[in-house]
Every structure is written in C-alpha cells, then in structure tokens.
C-alpha cells in the first residue's frame, strides 16, 4: 500500500511523526514490531515545509567526521536551500527505532 503526504505549510516534526508511523505500519491492524509491513510513503512539496517559532534560524544539524575537532554544522536555512528532502529525511530517520529495519524503512520513503 502507498501513502501520500502533502508537506505544504506543514510543520516538519509533526509531519515526520505521521510518516514514521506509516513506514513502520503501526496504523495497520496486523502490526508486529519485528516485521516489515511493506508500506511505501511518498511526500510531495517538501520545499514548502516550515518550523514553528524561531527554530528556522536557530536549529543546527551536525555530524562528526571522526577526527579531533571534526564537527560539521549546518543550519536549517542552509539545508533547506541545498536539499529540502534531507531535512525531512533526518527528522523521520531519527524518529524510527535504531535497529536493522530502519534502513529498509528509509528506503521506502520517497520525497519529492
């Protein structure tokens, strides 16, 4: 089954919660936490998402390169200009359980 979400004028975190639930299949009556449900999720209008409050210029995304002093930081505004899909992808991935199924669930997320 395929779910379609429209991200226009939606708050990133609230949308990511709904997407994570659909990817896991928790909205299905035959849900089992250790099985993959096969749900595919497509998101359109990712460039029109927004954040609430002052988070638009305060929120930071960071990663560690593995070297001393190797923390790379990016703001929400910079990441939205570069790739709006990555903002939503980060939010959804961090809401899913950190187990072997997370990569499979993320492969079934299509963001346009």
PDB file of N, CA and C in Angstrom:
ATOM      1  N   UNK A   1       0.846  -1.179   0.000  1.00  0.00           N
ATOM      2  CA  UNK A   1       0.000   0.000   0.000  1.00  0.00           C
ATOM      3  C   UNK A   1       0.888   1.237   0.000  1.00  0.00           C
ATOM      4  N   UNK A   2       0.443   2.283  -0.640  1.00  0.00           N
ATOM      5  CA  UNK A   2       1.228   3.502  -0.747  1.00  0.00           C
ATOM      6  C   UNK A   2       0.475   4.652  -0.078  1.00  0.00           C
ATOM      7  N   UNK A   3       1.189   5.386   0.774  1.00  0.00           N
ATOM      8  CA  UNK A   3       0.620   6.558   1.433  1.00  0.00           C
ATOM      9  C   UNK A   3       1.185   7.797   0.784  1.00  0.00           C
ATOM     10  N   UNK A   4       0.369   8.840   0.645  1.00  0.00           N
ATOM     11  CA  UNK A   4       0.802  10.099   0.054  1.00  0.00           C
ATOM     12  C   UNK A   4       0.585  11.212   1.076  1.00  0.00           C
ATOM     13  N   UNK A   5       1.658  11.977   1.346  1.00  0.00           N
ATOM     14  CA  UNK A   5       1.588  13.104   2.269  1.00  0.00           C
ATOM     15  C   UNK A   5       1.936  14.373   1.519  1.00  0.00           C
ATOM     16  N   UNK A   6       1.188  15.442   1.775  1.00  0.00           N
ATOM     17  CA  UNK A   6       1.487  16.751   1.196  1.00  0.00           C
ATOM     18  C   UNK A   6       2.114  17.600   2.299  1.00  0.00           C
ATOM     19  N   UNK A   7       3.363  18.048   2.079  1.00  0.00           N
ATOM     20  CA  UNK A   7       4.108  18.773   3.112  1.00  0.00           C
ATOM     21  C   UNK A   7       3.893  20.281   3.041  1.00  0.00           C
ATOM     22  N   UNK A   8       3.043  20.744   2.170  1.00  0.00           N
ATOM     23  CA  UNK A   8       2.842  22.187   2.017  1.00  0.00           C
ATOM     24  C   UNK A   8       2.265  22.793   3.297  1.00  0.00           C
ATOM     25  N   UNK A   9       2.983  23.788   3.850  1.00  0.00           N
ATOM     26  CA  UNK A   9       2.595  24.513   5.067  1.00  0.00           C
ATOM     27  C   UNK A   9       2.418  23.589   6.279  1.00  0.00           C
ATOM     28  N   UNK A  10       3.154  22.485   6.329  1.00  0.00           N
ATOM     29  CA  UNK A  10       3.120  21.572   7.463  1.00  0.00           C
ATOM     30  C   UNK A  10       4.388  21.760   8.279  1.00  0.00           C
ATOM     31  N   UNK A  11       4.310  21.538   9.577  1.00  0.00           N
ATOM     32  CA  UNK A  11       5.460  21.629  10.458  1.00  0.00           C
ATOM     33  C   UNK A  11       6.244  20.320  10.342  1.00  0.00           C
ATOM     34  N   UNK A  12       7.561  20.438  10.233  1.00  0.00           N
ATOM     35  CA  UNK A  12       8.423  19.299   9.927  1.00  0.00           C
ATOM     36  C   UNK A  12       8.253  18.164  10.928  1.00  0.00           C
ATOM     37  N   UNK A  13       8.311  18.452  12.214  1.00  0.00           N
ATOM     38  CA  UNK A  13       8.251  17.405  13.222  1.00  0.00           C
ATOM     39  C   UNK A  13       6.928  16.678  13.250  1.00  0.00           C
ATOM     40  N   UNK A  14       5.842  17.411  13.105  1.00  0.00           N
ATOM     41  CA  UNK A  14       4.516  16.788  13.144  1.00  0.00           C
ATOM     42  C   UNK A  14       4.286  15.911  11.919  1.00  0.00           C
ATOM     43  N   UNK A  15       4.810  16.354  10.780  1.00  0.00           N
ATOM     44  CA  UNK A  15       4.722  15.548   9.574  1.00  0.00           C
ATOM     45  C   UNK A  15       5.589  14.297   9.690  1.00  0.00           C
ATOM     46  N   UNK A  16       6.774  14.446  10.270  1.00  0.00           N
ATOM     47  CA  UNK A  16       7.703  13.323  10.414  1.00  0.00           C
ATOM     48  C   UNK A  16       7.121  12.235  11.316  1.00  0.00           C
ATOM     49  N   UNK A  17       6.360  12.617  12.327  1.00  0.00           N
ATOM     50  CA  UNK A  17       5.723  11.637  13.207  1.00  0.00           C
ATOM     51  C   UNK A  17       4.743  10.777  12.409  1.00  0.00           C
ATOM     52  N   UNK A  18       3.909  11.410  11.605  1.00  0.00           N
ATOM     53  CA  UNK A  18       2.923  10.673  10.812  1.00  0.00           C
ATOM     54  C   UNK A  18       3.607   9.747   9.806  1.00  0.00           C
ATOM     55  N   UNK A  19       4.689  10.225   9.197  1.00  0.00           N
ATOM     56  CA  UNK A  19       5.408   9.418   8.220  1.00  0.00           C
ATOM     57  C   UNK A  19       6.060   8.214   8.894  1.00  0.00           C
ATOM     58  N   UNK A  20       6.677   8.418  10.054  1.00  0.00           N
ATOM     59  CA  UNK A  20       7.329   7.323  10.768  1.00  0.00           C
ATOM     60  C   UNK A  20       6.322   6.250  11.169  1.00  0.00           C
ATOM     61  N   UNK A  21       5.154   6.657  11.603  1.00  0.00           N
ATOM     62  CA  UNK A  21       4.117   5.695  11.974  1.00  0.00           C
ATOM     63  C   UNK A  21       3.681   4.889  10.754  1.00  0.00           C
ATOM     64  N   UNK A  22       3.515   5.552   9.617  1.00  0.00           N
ATOM     65  CA  UNK A  22       3.096   4.849   8.401  1.00  0.00           C
ATOM     66  C   UNK A  22       4.179   3.918   7.879  1.00  0.00           C
ATOM     67  N   UNK A  23       5.444   4.349   7.953  1.00  0.00           N
ATOM     68  CA  UNK A  23       6.537   3.497   7.474  1.00  0.00           C
ATOM     69  C   UNK A  23       6.629   2.206   8.287  1.00  0.00           C
ATOM     70  N   UNK A  24       6.448   2.309   9.582  1.00  0.00           N
ATOM     71  CA  UNK A  24       6.518   1.123  10.438  1.00  0.00           C
ATOM     72  C   UNK A  24       5.288   0.241  10.286  1.00  0.00           C
ATOM     73  N   UNK A  25       4.166   0.822   9.846  1.00  0.00           N
ATOM     74  CA  UNK A  25       2.936   0.052   9.717  1.00  0.00           C
ATOM     75  C   UNK A  25       2.134   0.010  10.995  1.00  0.00           C
ATOM     76  N   UNK A  26       2.379   0.953  11.905  1.00  0.00           N
ATOM     77  CA  UNK A  26       1.679   0.951  13.185  1.00  0.00           C
ATOM     78  C   UNK A  26       0.207   1.314  13.036  1.00  0.00           C
ATOM     79  N   UNK A  27      -0.172   1.846  11.886  1.00  0.00           N
ATOM     80  CA  UNK A  27      -1.568   2.196  11.660  1.00  0.00           C
ATOM     81  C   UNK A  27      -2.353   1.029  11.055  1.00  0.00           C
ATOM     82  N   UNK A  28      -1.724  -0.123  10.921  1.00  0.00           N
ATOM     83  CA  UNK A  28      -2.368  -1.311  10.355  1.00  0.00           C
ATOM     84  C   UNK A  28      -2.802  -2.255  11.476  1.00  0.00           C
ATOM     85  N   UNK A  29      -3.877  -2.993  11.269  1.00  0.00           N
ATOM     86  CA  UNK A  29      -4.325  -3.916  12.320  1.00  0.00           C
ATOM     87  C   UNK A  29      -3.414  -5.125  12.506  1.00  0.00           C
ATOM     88  N   UNK A  30      -2.594  -5.455  11.502  1.00  0.00           N
ATOM     89  CA  UNK A  30      -1.715  -6.622  11.599  1.00  0.00           C
ATOM     90  C   UNK A  30      -0.279  -6.231  11.945  1.00  0.00           C
ATOM     91  N   UNK A  31      -0.083  -5.139  12.694  1.00  0.00           N
ATOM     92  CA  UNK A  31       1.250  -4.644  13.039  1.00  0.00           C
ATOM     93  C   UNK A  31       1.972  -5.599  13.969  1.00  0.00           C
ATOM     94  N   UNK A  32       3.228  -5.879  13.630  1.00  0.00           N
ATOM     95  CA  UNK A  32       4.140  -6.603  14.506  1.00  0.00           C
ATOM     96  C   UNK A  32       5.444  -5.819  14.532  1.00  0.00           C
ATOM     97  N   UNK A  33       6.015  -5.538  15.717  1.00  0.00           N
ATOM     98  CA  UNK A  33       7.183  -4.662  15.791  1.00  0.00           C
ATOM     99  C   UNK A  33       8.439  -5.241  15.143  1.00  0.00           C
ATOM    100  N   UNK A  34       8.508  -6.551  14.973  1.00  0.00           N
ATOM    101  CA  UNK A  34       9.708  -7.167  14.432  1.00  0.00           C
ATOM    102  C   UNK A  34       9.581  -7.495  12.941  1.00  0.00           C
ATOM    103  N   UNK A  35       8.454  -7.142  12.314  1.00  0.00           N
ATOM    104  CA  UNK A  35       8.254  -7.436  10.894  1.00  0.00           C
ATOM    105  C   UNK A  35       8.132  -6.151  10.101  1.00  0.00           C
ATOM    106  N   UNK A  36       8.516  -6.258   8.855  1.00  0.00           N
ATOM    107  CA  UNK A  36       8.398  -5.136   7.931  1.00  0.00           C
ATOM    108  C   UNK A  36       7.022  -5.200   7.281  1.00  0.00           C
ATOM    109  N   UNK A  37       6.302  -4.088   7.295  1.00  0.00           N
ATOM    110  CA  UNK A  37       4.921  -4.106   6.815  1.00  0.00           C
ATOM    111  C   UNK A  37       4.820  -3.910   5.313  1.00  0.00           C
ATOM    112  N   UNK A  38       5.828  -3.339   4.680  1.00  0.00           N
ATOM    113  CA  UNK A  38       5.792  -3.127   3.237  1.00  0.00           C
ATOM    114  C   UNK A  38       5.100  -1.842   2.829  1.00  0.00           C
ATOM    115  N   UNK A  39       4.886  -0.943   3.773  1.00  0.00           N
ATOM    116  CA  UNK A  39       4.243   0.333   3.458  1.00  0.00           C
ATOM    117  C   UNK A  39       5.232   1.256   2.754  1.00  0.00           C
ATOM    118  N   UNK A  40       4.791   1.893   1.689  1.00  0.00           N
ATOM    119  CA  UNK A  40       5.622   2.864   0.980  1.00  0.00           C
ATOM    120  C   UNK A  40       5.003   4.240   1.185  1.00  0.00           C
ATOM    121  N   UNK A  41       5.839   5.234   1.456  1.00  0.00           N
ATOM    122  CA  UNK A  41       5.354   6.583   1.738  1.00  0.00           C
ATOM    123  C   UNK A  41       5.978   7.553   0.744  1.00  0.00           C
ATOM    124  N   UNK A  42       5.131   8.373   0.134  1.00  0.00           N
ATOM    125  CA  UNK A  42       5.600   9.402  -0.792  1.00  0.00           C
ATOM    126  C   UNK A  42       5.202  10.763  -0.242  1.00  0.00           C
ATOM    127  N   UNK A  43       6.150  11.702  -0.261  1.00  0.00           N
ATOM    128  CA  UNK A  43       5.909  13.050   0.249  1.00  0.00           C
ATOM    129  C   UNK A  43       6.115  14.027  -0.890  1.00  0.00           C
ATOM    130  N   UNK A  44       5.143  14.914  -1.089  1.00  0.00           N
ATOM    131  CA  UNK A  44       5.275  15.938  -2.126  1.00  0.00           C
ATOM    132  C   UNK A  44       5.352  17.314  -1.467  1.00  0.00           C
ATOM    133  N   UNK A  45       5.857  18.299  -2.197  1.00  0.00           N
ATOM    134  CA  UNK A  45       6.004  19.689  -1.750  1.00  0.00           C
ATOM    135  C   UNK A  45       6.881  19.821  -0.510  1.00  0.00           C
ATOM    136  N   UNK A  46       8.009  19.110  -0.471  1.00  0.00           N
ATOM    137  CA  UNK A  46       8.906  19.167   0.686  1.00  0.00           C
ATOM    138  C   UNK A  46       9.537  20.547   0.842  1.00  0.00           C
ATOM    139  N   UNK A  47       9.639  21.292  -0.234  1.00  0.00           N
ATOM    140  CA  UNK A  47      10.265  22.619  -0.154  1.00  0.00           C
ATOM    141  C   UNK A  47       9.382  23.636   0.561  1.00  0.00           C
ATOM    142  N   UNK A  48       8.111  23.317   0.783  1.00  0.00           N
ATOM    143  CA  UNK A  48       7.178  24.250   1.415  1.00  0.00           C
ATOM    144  C   UNK A  48       6.924  23.946   2.887  1.00  0.00           C
ATOM    145  N   UNK A  49       7.769  23.121   3.503  1.00  0.00           N
ATOM    146  CA  UNK A  49       7.622  22.823   4.935  1.00  0.00           C
ATOM    147  C   UNK A  49       8.079  24.022   5.755  1.00  0.00           C
ATOM    148  N   UNK A  50       7.716  24.021   7.022  1.00  0.00           N
ATOM    149  CA  UNK A  50       8.142  25.112   7.893  1.00  0.00           C
ATOM    150  C   UNK A  50       8.387  24.585   9.300  1.00  0.00           C
ATOM    151  N   UNK A  51       9.009  25.416  10.107  1.00  0.00           N
ATOM    152  CA  UNK A  51       9.233  25.120  11.516  1.00  0.00           C
ATOM    153  C   UNK A  51       8.469  26.141  12.340  1.00  0.00           C
ATOM    154  N   UNK A  52       8.136  25.784  13.562  1.00  0.00           N
ATOM    155  CA  UNK A  52       7.431  26.720  14.420  1.00  0.00           C
ATOM    156  C   UNK A  52       8.429  27.558  15.213  1.00  0.00           C
ATOM    157  N   UNK A  53       8.026  28.746  15.584  1.00  0.00           N
ATOM    158  CA  UNK A  53       8.848  29.613  16.421  1.00  0.00           C
ATOM    159  C   UNK A  53      10.098  30.120  15.731  1.00  0.00           C
ATOM    160  N   UNK A  54      11.180  30.253  16.500  1.00  0.00           N
ATOM    161  CA  UNK A  54      12.445  30.786  15.992  1.00  0.00           C
ATOM    162  C   UNK A  54      13.382  29.700  15.489  1.00  0.00           C
ATOM    163  N   UNK A  55      12.899  28.463  15.394  1.00  0.00           N
ATOM    164  CA  UNK A  55      13.769  27.353  15.037  1.00  0.00           C
ATOM    165  C   UNK A  55      14.355  27.479  13.631  1.00  0.00           C
ATOM    166  N   UNK A  56      13.727  28.270  12.772  1.00  0.00           N
ATOM    167  CA  UNK A  56      14.199  28.400  11.403  1.00  0.00           C
ATOM    168  C   UNK A  56      15.640  28.848  11.288  1.00  0.00           C
ATOM    169  N   UNK A  57      16.082  29.726  12.159  1.00  0.00           N
ATOM    170  CA  UNK A  57      17.474  30.174  12.098  1.00  0.00           C
ATOM    171  C   UNK A  57      18.300  29.713  13.296  1.00  0.00           C
ATOM    172  N   UNK A  58      17.688  29.036  14.286  1.00  0.00           N
ATOM    173  CA  UNK A  58      18.425  28.557  15.444  1.00  0.00           C
ATOM    174  C   UNK A  58      18.785  27.075  15.364  1.00  0.00           C
ATOM    175  N   UNK A  59      18.018  26.309  14.612  1.00  0.00           N
ATOM    176  CA  UNK A  59      18.222  24.856  14.576  1.00  0.00           C
ATOM    177  C   UNK A  59      19.495  24.499  13.822  1.00  0.00           C
ATOM    178  N   UNK A  60      20.283  23.590  14.400  1.00  0.00           N
ATOM    179  CA  UNK A  60      21.537  23.143  13.795  1.00  0.00           C
ATOM    180  C   UNK A  60      21.491  21.644  13.544  1.00  0.00           C
ATOM    181  N   UNK A  61      22.010  21.258  12.391  1.00  0.00           N
ATOM    182  CA  UNK A  61      22.238  19.849  12.084  1.00  0.00           C
ATOM    183  C   UNK A  61      23.743  19.668  12.102  1.00  0.00           C
ATOM    184  N   UNK A  62      24.237  18.659  12.844  1.00  0.00           N
ATOM    185  CA  UNK A  62      25.680  18.480  12.906  1.00  0.00           C
ATOM    186  C   UNK A  62      26.029  17.024  12.735  1.00  0.00           C
ATOM    187  N   UNK A  63      27.248  16.800  12.268  1.00  0.00           N
ATOM    188  CA  UNK A  63      27.773  15.452  12.109  1.00  0.00           C
ATOM    189  C   UNK A  63      29.241  15.465  12.503  1.00  0.00           C
ATOM    190  N   UNK A  64      29.760  14.316  12.827  1.00  0.00           N
ATOM    191  CA  UNK A  64      31.132  14.193  13.293  1.00  0.00           C
ATOM    192  C   UNK A  64      31.924  13.411  12.263  1.00  0.00           C
ATOM    193  N   UNK A  65      33.062  13.956  11.830  1.00  0.00           N
ATOM    194  CA  UNK A  65      33.870  13.334  10.788  1.00  0.00           C
ATOM    195  C   UNK A  65      34.717  12.179  11.298  1.00  0.00           C
ATOM    196  N   UNK A  66      34.955  12.133  12.596  1.00  0.00           N
ATOM    197  CA  UNK A  66      35.793  11.095  13.168  1.00  0.00           C
ATOM    198  C   UNK A  66      37.164  11.614  13.560  1.00  0.00           C
ATOM    199  N   UNK A  67      37.471  12.822  13.162  1.00  0.00           N
ATOM    200  CA  UNK A  67      38.745  13.439  13.507  1.00  0.00           C
ATOM    201  C   UNK A  67      38.558  14.398  14.680  1.00  0.00           C
ATOM    202  N   UNK A  68      39.623  14.650  15.468  1.00  0.00           N
ATOM    203  CA  UNK A  68      39.508  15.624  16.557  1.00  0.00           C
ATOM    204  C   UNK A  68      39.104  17.002  16.021  1.00  0.00           C
ATOM    205  N   UNK A  69      38.110  17.596  16.629  1.00  0.00           N
ATOM    206  CA  UNK A  69      37.626  18.902  16.182  1.00  0.00           C
ATOM    207  C   UNK A  69      36.867  18.831  14.877  1.00  0.00           C
ATOM    208  N   UNK A  70      36.389  17.654  14.493  1.00  0.00           N
ATOM    209  CA  UNK A  70      35.772  17.461  13.189  1.00  0.00           C
ATOM    210  C   UNK A  70      34.258  17.510  13.194  1.00  0.00           C
ATOM    211  N   UNK A  71      33.671  18.421  13.951  1.00  0.00           N
ATOM    212  CA  UNK A  71      32.219  18.560  13.942  1.00  0.00           C
ATOM    213  C   UNK A  71      31.839  19.550  12.848  1.00  0.00           C
ATOM    214  N   UNK A  72      30.982  19.111  11.930  1.00  0.00           N
ATOM    215  CA  UNK A  72      30.490  19.960  10.841  1.00  0.00           C
ATOM    216  C   UNK A  72      29.065  20.359  11.173  1.00  0.00           C
ATOM    217  N   UNK A  73      28.793  21.662  11.154  1.00  0.00           N
ATOM    218  CA  UNK A  73      27.471  22.166  11.499  1.00  0.00           C
ATOM    219  C   UNK A  73      26.825  22.823  10.282  1.00  0.00           C
ATOM    220  N   UNK A  74      25.509  22.652  10.172  1.00  0.00           N
ATOM    221  CA  UNK A  74      24.723  23.274   9.120  1.00  0.00           C
ATOM    222  C   UNK A  74      23.433  23.778   9.745  1.00  0.00           C
ATOM    223  N   UNK A  75      22.980  24.959   9.374  1.00  0.00           N
ATOM    224  CA  UNK A  75      21.721  25.476   9.897  1.00  0.00           C
ATOM    225  C   UNK A  75      20.563  24.954   9.066  1.00  0.00           C
ATOM    226  N   UNK A  76      19.376  25.087   9.618  1.00  0.00           N
ATOM    227  CA  UNK A  76      18.155  24.650   8.927  1.00  0.00           C
ATOM    228  C   UNK A  76      17.987  25.399   7.609  1.00  0.00           C
ATOM    229  N   UNK A  77      18.225  26.712   7.625  1.00  0.00           N
ATOM    230  CA  UNK A  77      18.044  27.515   6.410  1.00  0.00           C
ATOM    231  C   UNK A  77      18.991  27.066   5.297  1.00  0.00           C
ATOM    232  N   UNK A  78      20.264  26.790   5.646  1.00  0.00           N
ATOM    233  CA  UNK A  78      21.230  26.342   4.644  1.00  0.00           C
ATOM    234  C   UNK A  78      20.831  24.989   4.065  1.00  0.00           C
ATOM    235  N   UNK A  79      20.372  24.088   4.923  1.00  0.00           N
ATOM    236  CA  UNK A  79      19.991  22.763   4.460  1.00  0.00           C
ATOM    237  C   UNK A  79      18.725  22.816   3.607  1.00  0.00           C
ATOM    238  N   UNK A  80      17.791  23.708   3.931  1.00  0.00           N
ATOM    239  CA  UNK A  80      16.582  23.847   3.122  1.00  0.00           C
ATOM    240  C   UNK A  80      16.911  24.383   1.729  1.00  0.00           C
ATOM    241  N   UNK A  81      17.874  25.299   1.637  1.00  0.00           N
ATOM    242  CA  UNK A  81      18.276  25.810   0.324  1.00  0.00           C
ATOM    243  C   UNK A  81      18.952  24.721  -0.498  1.00  0.00           C
ATOM    244  N   UNK A  82      19.770  23.918   0.170  1.00  0.00           N
ATOM    245  CA  UNK A  82      20.536  22.877  -0.518  1.00  0.00           C
ATOM    246  C   UNK A  82      19.643  21.694  -0.901  1.00  0.00           C
ATOM    247  N   UNK A  83      18.900  21.148   0.080  1.00  0.00           N
ATOM    248  CA  UNK A  83      18.081  19.964  -0.166  1.00  0.00           C
ATOM    249  C   UNK A  83      16.968  19.866   0.869  1.00  0.00           C
ATOM    250  N   UNK A  84      15.762  20.324   0.544  1.00  0.00           N
ATOM    251  CA  UNK A  84      14.656  20.250   1.498  1.00  0.00           C
ATOM    252  C   UNK A  84      14.300  18.811   1.883  1.00  0.00           C
ATOM    253  N   UNK A  85      14.560  17.884   0.998  1.00  0.00           N
ATOM    254  CA  UNK A  85      14.238  16.486   1.289  1.00  0.00           C
ATOM    255  C   UNK A  85      15.090  15.955   2.435  1.00  0.00           C
ATOM    256  N   UNK A  86      16.316  16.426   2.563  1.00  0.00           N
ATOM    257  CA  UNK A  86      17.209  15.945   3.619  1.00  0.00           C
ATOM    258  C   UNK A  86      16.714  16.354   4.997  1.00  0.00           C
ATOM    259  N   UNK A  87      16.092  17.516   5.107  1.00  0.00           N
ATOM    260  CA  UNK A  87      15.548  17.972   6.394  1.00  0.00           C
ATOM    261  C   UNK A  87      14.507  16.973   6.885  1.00  0.00           C
ATOM    262  N   UNK A  88      13.597  16.605   5.998  1.00  0.00           N
ATOM    263  CA  UNK A  88      12.553  15.654   6.368  1.00  0.00           C
ATOM    264  C   UNK A  88      13.133  14.264   6.577  1.00  0.00           C
ATOM    265  N   UNK A  89      14.105  13.879   5.772  1.00  0.00           N
ATOM    266  CA  UNK A  89      14.732  12.563   5.893  1.00  0.00           C
ATOM    267  C   UNK A  89      15.420  12.421   7.260  1.00  0.00           C
ATOM    268  N   UNK A  90      16.133  13.476   7.707  1.00  0.00           N
ATOM    269  CA  UNK A  90      16.763  13.459   9.031  1.00  0.00           C
ATOM    270  C   UNK A  90      15.715  13.305  10.124  1.00  0.00           C
ATOM    271  N   UNK A  91      14.625  14.068  10.023  1.00  0.00           N
ATOM    272  CA  UNK A  91      13.592  14.039  11.063  1.00  0.00           C
ATOM    273  C   UNK A  91      12.945  12.663  11.158  1.00  0.00           C
ATOM    274  N   UNK A  92      12.622  12.065  10.019  1.00  0.00           N
ATOM    275  CA  UNK A  92      11.960  10.758  10.027  1.00  0.00           C
ATOM    276  C   UNK A  92      12.915   9.683  10.526  1.00  0.00           C
ATOM    277  N   UNK A  93      14.158   9.695  10.062  1.00  0.00           N
ATOM    278  CA  UNK A  93      15.126   8.664  10.454  1.00  0.00           C
ATOM    279  C   UNK A  93      15.366   8.676  11.950  1.00  0.00           C
ATOM    280  N   UNK A  94      15.370   9.840  12.557  1.00  0.00           N
ATOM    281  CA  UNK A  94      15.634   9.931  13.985  1.00  0.00           C
ATOM    282  C   UNK A  94      14.414   9.576  14.824  1.00  0.00           C
ATOM    283  N   UNK A  95      13.244   9.454  14.195  1.00  0.00           N
ATOM    284  CA  UNK A  95      12.046   9.036  14.918  1.00  0.00           C
ATOM    285  C   UNK A  95      11.808   7.540  14.833  1.00  0.00           C
ATOM    286  N   UNK A  96      12.535   6.862  13.959  1.00  0.00           N
ATOM    287  CA  UNK A  96      12.399   5.417  13.837  1.00  0.00           C
ATOM    288  C   UNK A  96      13.332   4.725  14.829  1.00  0.00           C
ATOM    289  N   UNK A  97      12.997   3.505  15.260  1.00  0.00           N
ATOM    290  CA  UNK A  97      13.886   2.775  16.164  1.00  0.00           C
ATOM    291  C   UNK A  97      15.231   2.487  15.508  1.00  0.00           C
ATOM    292  N   UNK A  98      16.280   2.502  16.298  1.00  0.00           N
ATOM    293  CA  UNK A  98      17.629   2.284  15.778  1.00  0.00           C
ATOM    294  C   UNK A  98      17.913   0.787  15.756  1.00  0.00           C
ATOM    295  N   UNK A  99      17.414   0.115  14.726  1.00  0.00           N
ATOM    296  CA  UNK A  99      17.616  -1.319  14.588  1.00  0.00           C
ATOM    297  C   UNK A  99      17.860  -1.669  13.117  1.00  0.00           C
ATOM    298  N   UNK A 100      17.891  -2.951  12.805  1.00  0.00           N
ATOM    299  CA  UNK A 100      18.224  -3.397  11.450  1.00  0.00           C
ATOM    300  C   UNK A 100      17.157  -3.032  10.423  1.00  0.00           C
ATOM    301  N   UNK A 101      15.953  -2.776  10.860  1.00  0.00           N
ATOM    302  CA  UNK A 101      14.874  -2.470   9.929  1.00  0.00           C
ATOM    303  C   UNK A 101      14.851  -1.004   9.496  1.00  0.00           C
ATOM    304  N   UNK A 102      15.562  -0.134  10.216  1.00  0.00           N
ATOM    305  CA  UNK A 102      15.486   1.297   9.897  1.00  0.00           C
ATOM    306  C   UNK A 102      15.933   1.587   8.474  1.00  0.00           C
ATOM    307  N   UNK A 103      16.977   0.949   7.989  1.00  0.00           N
ATOM    308  CA  UNK A 103      17.451   1.179   6.630  1.00  0.00           C
ATOM    309  C   UNK A 103      16.404   0.750   5.604  1.00  0.00           C
ATOM    310  N   UNK A 104      15.703  -0.340   5.862  1.00  0.00           N
ATOM    311  CA  UNK A 104      14.659  -0.803   4.948  1.00  0.00           C
ATOM    312  C   UNK A 104      13.482   0.168   4.931  1.00  0.00           C
ATOM    313  N   UNK A 105      13.115   0.656   6.118  1.00  0.00           N
ATOM    314  CA  UNK A 105      12.027   1.628   6.180  1.00  0.00           C
ATOM    315  C   UNK A 105      12.386   2.905   5.436  1.00  0.00           C
ATOM    316  N   UNK A 106      13.617   3.375   5.606  1.00  0.00           N
ATOM    317  CA  UNK A 106      14.037   4.623   4.959  1.00  0.00           C
ATOM    318  C   UNK A 106      14.127   4.467   3.435  1.00  0.00           C
ATOM    319  N   UNK A 107      14.396   3.267   2.954  1.00  0.00           N
ATOM    320  CA  UNK A 107      14.415   3.035   1.507  1.00  0.00           C
ATOM    321  C   UNK A 107      13.028   3.154   0.892  1.00  0.00           C
ATOM    322  N   UNK A 108      11.997   2.975   1.695  1.00  0.00           N
ATOM    323  CA  UNK A 108      10.628   3.075   1.191  1.00  0.00           C
ATOM    324  C   UNK A 108      10.046   4.483   1.342  1.00  0.00           C
ATOM    325  N   UNK A 109      10.876   5.443   1.733  1.00  0.00           N
ATOM    326  CA  UNK A 109      10.451   6.845   1.847  1.00  0.00           C
ATOM    327  C   UNK A 109      10.874   7.585   0.594  1.00  0.00           C
ATOM    328  N   UNK A 110       9.899   8.111  -0.143  1.00  0.00           N
ATOM    329  CA  UNK A 110      10.172   8.855  -1.372  1.00  0.00           C
ATOM    330  C   UNK A 110       9.769  10.302  -1.128  1.00  0.00           C
ATOM    331  N   UNK A 111      10.721  11.211  -1.280  1.00  0.00           N
ATOM    332  CA  UNK A 111      10.459  12.636  -1.022  1.00  0.00           C
ATOM    333  C   UNK A 111      10.660  13.409  -2.320  1.00  0.00           C
ATOM    334  N   UNK A 112       9.646  14.176  -2.724  1.00  0.00           N
ATOM    335  CA  UNK A 112       9.728  14.969  -3.963  1.00  0.00           C
ATOM    336  C   UNK A 112       9.585  16.441  -3.655  1.00  0.00           C
TER     337      UNK A 112
END
